[in-house]
Amino acid sequence: MCPAPTLHNENMGEDKRMKDSLRTGISFGLTSAVITTLGLMVGLHSGTHSKIVVLAGIMTIAIADAFSDSLGIHITEEDENKHTIKEIWAATISTFLAKFLFAMTFVVPVVLFTLSTAIVISLIWGLSILSLLSYFMAKSQSEPAWKIVGEHLMIAIVVIGITHWVGDWIGKLNA
């Protein structure tokens, strides 16, 4: 009996679980950042047409939703009762950073361009990132990329469409 191979295999398992925790946080954070931020931007734009309101919304969602999502991942990982403390915190922190940092990228077009142009740029940027994430996920799972990418884009487009409609409706209440 040689303990070294067992230790090596255990370490390989720990490394894989740690990578899985990081992947969980990053993929969840990026997906949430895209869908939530685009939905918020489109809804606020269609309801107010105010650059400052959209900008405040992005920054608010980047902070509040990043904390909320990371706590949600933290609690979910704890509840599974199969992760180490280190893995739980890796998923928590990677979720927060991915959500916060990526949501903040949507500030750039709003600051640099007219609001309507910024919305178009943000839609292209966000849906491209979601497509790439979905593509790589599909490939890693040996699934057809078109199916996974299409499914995820469809969900994002439904959210964006609904928030646009709600924003229009609320905007009409104010008129």
Protein backbone atom coordinates (compact mmCIF):
# COMPACT_ATOMS: atom_id res chain seq x y z
CA MET A 1 0.00 0.00 0.00
CA CYS A 2 1.33 3.36 -0.99
CA PRO A 3 -0.38 6.46 0.51
CA ALA A 4 1.17 8.87 -2.01
CA PRO A 5 -1.10 7.90 -4.97
CA THR A 6 -4.17 8.15 -2.75
CA LEU A 7 -3.10 11.58 -1.55
CA HIS A 8 -2.42 12.62 -5.15
CA ASN A 9 -5.84 11.37 -6.27
CA GLU A 10 -7.54 13.18 -3.38
CA ASN A 11 -5.72 16.39 -4.30
CA MET A 12 -6.79 15.98 -7.94
CA GLY A 13 -10.38 15.59 -6.73
CA GLU A 14 -10.06 18.70 -4.58
CA ASP A 15 -8.60 20.65 -7.51
CA LYS A 16 -11.48 19.58 -9.75
CA ARG A 17 -14.07 20.51 -7.11
CA MET A 18 -12.39 23.90 -6.66
CA LYS A 19 -12.43 24.50 -10.44
CA ASP A 20 -16.09 23.44 -10.49
CA SER A 21 -16.86 25.95 -7.72
CA LEU A 22 -15.10 28.72 -9.64
CA ARG A 23 -16.86 27.71 -12.88
CA THR A 24 -20.22 27.76 -11.07
CA GLY A 25 -19.62 31.26 -9.75
CA ILE A 26 -18.31 32.70 -13.00
CA SER A 27 -20.95 31.16 -15.25
CA PHE A 28 -23.78 32.11 -12.88
CA GLY A 29 -22.40 35.62 -12.37
CA LEU A 30 -21.92 36.30 -16.08
CA THR A 31 -25.32 34.92 -17.04
CA SER A 32 -27.07 36.87 -14.31
CA ALA A 33 -25.16 40.04 -15.18
CA VAL A 34 -26.20 39.83 -18.82
CA ILE A 35 -29.86 39.01 -18.36
CA THR A 36 -30.52 41.19 -15.31
CA THR A 37 -28.57 44.21 -16.51
CA LEU A 38 -29.95 44.13 -20.06
CA GLY A 39 -33.49 43.67 -18.76
CA LEU A 40 -33.04 46.57 -16.36
CA MET A 41 -31.47 48.82 -18.99
CA VAL A 42 -34.12 48.14 -21.62
CA GLY A 43 -36.97 48.53 -19.14
CA LEU A 44 -35.65 51.77 -17.68
CA HIS A 45 -34.86 53.16 -21.12
CA SER A 46 -38.30 52.41 -22.52
CA GLY A 47 -40.00 53.76 -19.40
CA THR A 48 -37.95 56.90 -18.77
CA HIS A 49 -35.58 57.58 -21.71
CA SER A 50 -33.25 58.97 -19.05
CA LYS A 51 -29.52 58.33 -19.27
CA ILE A 52 -29.00 59.11 -15.57
CA VAL A 53 -31.76 56.71 -14.52
CA VAL A 54 -30.30 53.90 -16.65
CA LEU A 55 -26.80 54.62 -15.34
CA ALA A 56 -28.01 54.61 -11.72
CA GLY A 57 -29.90 51.39 -12.39
CA ILE A 58 -26.82 49.63 -13.78
CA MET A 59 -24.68 50.65 -10.83
CA THR A 60 -27.37 49.72 -8.33
CA ILE A 61 -27.93 46.32 -9.89
CA ALA A 62 -24.17 45.71 -10.12
CA ILE A 63 -23.85 46.18 -6.37
CA ALA A 64 -27.12 44.87 -4.93
CA ASP A 65 -27.62 41.94 -7.28
CA ALA A 66 -23.97 40.88 -7.07
CA PHE A 67 -24.28 40.60 -3.29
CA SER A 68 -27.67 38.91 -3.56
CA ASP A 69 -26.54 36.39 -6.19
CA SER A 70 -23.34 35.57 -4.35
CA LEU A 71 -25.26 34.99 -1.12
CA GLY A 72 -27.71 32.80 -3.02
CA ILE A 73 -24.84 30.70 -4.43
CA HIS A 74 -23.23 30.59 -0.97
CA ILE A 75 -26.40 29.28 0.67
CA THR A 76 -27.06 26.80 -2.16
CA GLU A 77 -23.52 25.41 -1.97
CA GLU A 78 -23.79 25.11 1.83
CA ASP A 79 -27.18 23.44 1.58
CA GLU A 80 -25.82 20.75 -0.75
CA ASN A 81 -23.63 19.69 2.18
CA LYS A 82 -20.92 18.31 -0.12
CA HIS A 83 -18.52 21.25 -0.52
CA THR A 84 -15.63 22.38 1.62
CA ILE A 85 -15.65 25.86 3.13
CA LYS A 86 -12.96 26.84 0.62
CA GLU A 87 -15.10 25.64 -2.32
CA ILE A 88 -18.16 27.46 -0.97
CA TRP A 89 -16.24 30.72 -0.66
CA ALA A 90 -14.65 30.25 -4.10
CA ALA A 91 -18.12 29.99 -5.65
CA THR A 92 -19.37 32.93 -3.57
CA ILE A 93 -16.51 35.28 -4.41
CA SER A 94 -16.34 34.30 -8.09
CA THR A 95 -20.10 34.89 -8.40
CA PHE A 96 -19.79 38.32 -6.82
CA LEU A 97 -16.82 39.38 -8.93
CA ALA A 98 -18.25 38.05 -12.21
CA LYS A 99 -21.63 39.67 -11.61
CA PHE A 100 -20.28 43.00 -10.34
CA LEU A 101 -17.45 43.46 -12.84
CA PHE A 102 -19.41 42.32 -15.87
CA ALA A 103 -22.49 44.36 -14.97
CA MET A 104 -20.24 47.41 -14.65
CA THR A 105 -19.04 46.96 -18.25
CA PHE A 106 -22.48 48.15 -19.34
CA VAL A 107 -21.70 51.56 -17.82
CA VAL A 108 -19.11 52.28 -20.53
CA PRO A 109 -21.46 52.57 -23.53
CA VAL A 110 -23.98 54.58 -21.48
CA VAL A 111 -21.30 57.10 -20.57
CA LEU A 112 -19.75 57.29 -24.04
CA PHE A 113 -22.78 57.25 -26.36
CA THR A 114 -26.35 58.47 -26.63
CA LEU A 115 -28.70 56.29 -24.62
CA SER A 116 -30.33 54.65 -27.65
CA THR A 117 -26.93 53.79 -29.14
CA ALA A 118 -25.70 52.57 -25.75
CA ILE A 119 -28.69 50.22 -25.49
CA VAL A 120 -27.92 48.71 -28.91
CA ILE A 121 -24.21 48.34 -28.09
CA SER A 122 -25.08 46.78 -24.72
CA LEU A 123 -27.51 44.32 -26.32
CA ILE A 124 -24.85 43.22 -28.82
CA TRP A 125 -22.17 43.00 -26.11
CA GLY A 126 -24.31 41.14 -23.58
CA LEU A 127 -25.89 38.68 -26.00
CA SER A 128 -22.45 37.99 -27.53
CA ILE A 129 -20.99 37.15 -24.12
CA LEU A 130 -23.99 34.95 -23.30
CA SER A 131 -23.57 33.20 -26.67
CA LEU A 132 -19.86 32.57 -26.08
CA LEU A 133 -20.43 31.28 -22.56
CA SER A 134 -23.21 29.00 -23.82
CA TYR A 135 -21.09 27.78 -26.74
CA PHE A 136 -18.17 26.79 -24.51
CA MET A 137 -20.53 25.17 -22.02
CA ALA A 138 -22.16 23.13 -24.80
CA LYS A 139 -18.77 22.02 -26.12
CA SER A 140 -17.56 21.00 -22.66
CA GLN A 141 -20.71 18.88 -22.25
CA SER A 142 -20.58 17.45 -25.80
CA GLU A 143 -23.98 18.97 -26.55
CA PRO A 144 -25.01 20.61 -29.82
CA ALA A 145 -23.93 24.25 -29.49
CA TRP A 146 -26.89 25.59 -31.50
CA LYS A 147 -29.31 24.02 -29.04
CA ILE A 148 -27.70 25.43 -25.87
CA VAL A 149 -26.90 28.84 -27.37
CA GLY A 150 -30.38 29.11 -28.86
CA GLU A 151 -32.07 28.15 -25.60
CA HIS A 152 -30.09 30.69 -23.57
CA LEU A 153 -30.52 33.49 -26.11
CA MET A 154 -34.26 32.80 -26.28
CA ILE A 155 -34.60 33.16 -22.51
CA ALA A 156 -32.60 36.41 -22.56
CA ILE A 157 -34.67 37.81 -25.43
CA VAL A 158 -37.92 36.96 -23.63
CA VAL A 159 -36.70 38.79 -20.51
CA ILE A 160 -35.59 41.80 -22.58
CA GLY A 161 -38.90 41.85 -24.45
CA ILE A 162 -40.98 41.69 -21.29
CA THR A 163 -38.98 44.41 -19.55
CA HIS A 164 -39.28 46.62 -22.64
CA TRP A 165 -43.05 46.14 -22.63
CA VAL A 166 -43.29 46.83 -18.88
CA GLY A 167 -41.12 49.95 -19.27
CA ASP A 168 -43.36 51.23 -22.07
CA TRP A 169 -46.44 50.56 -19.96
CA ILE A 170 -45.03 52.36 -16.92
CA GLY A 171 -43.87 55.24 -19.12
CA LYS A 172 -47.43 55.68 -20.35
CA LEU A 173 -48.71 55.85 -16.78
CA ASN A 174 -46.49 58.87 -16.21
CA ALA A 175 -47.65 60.67 -19.39
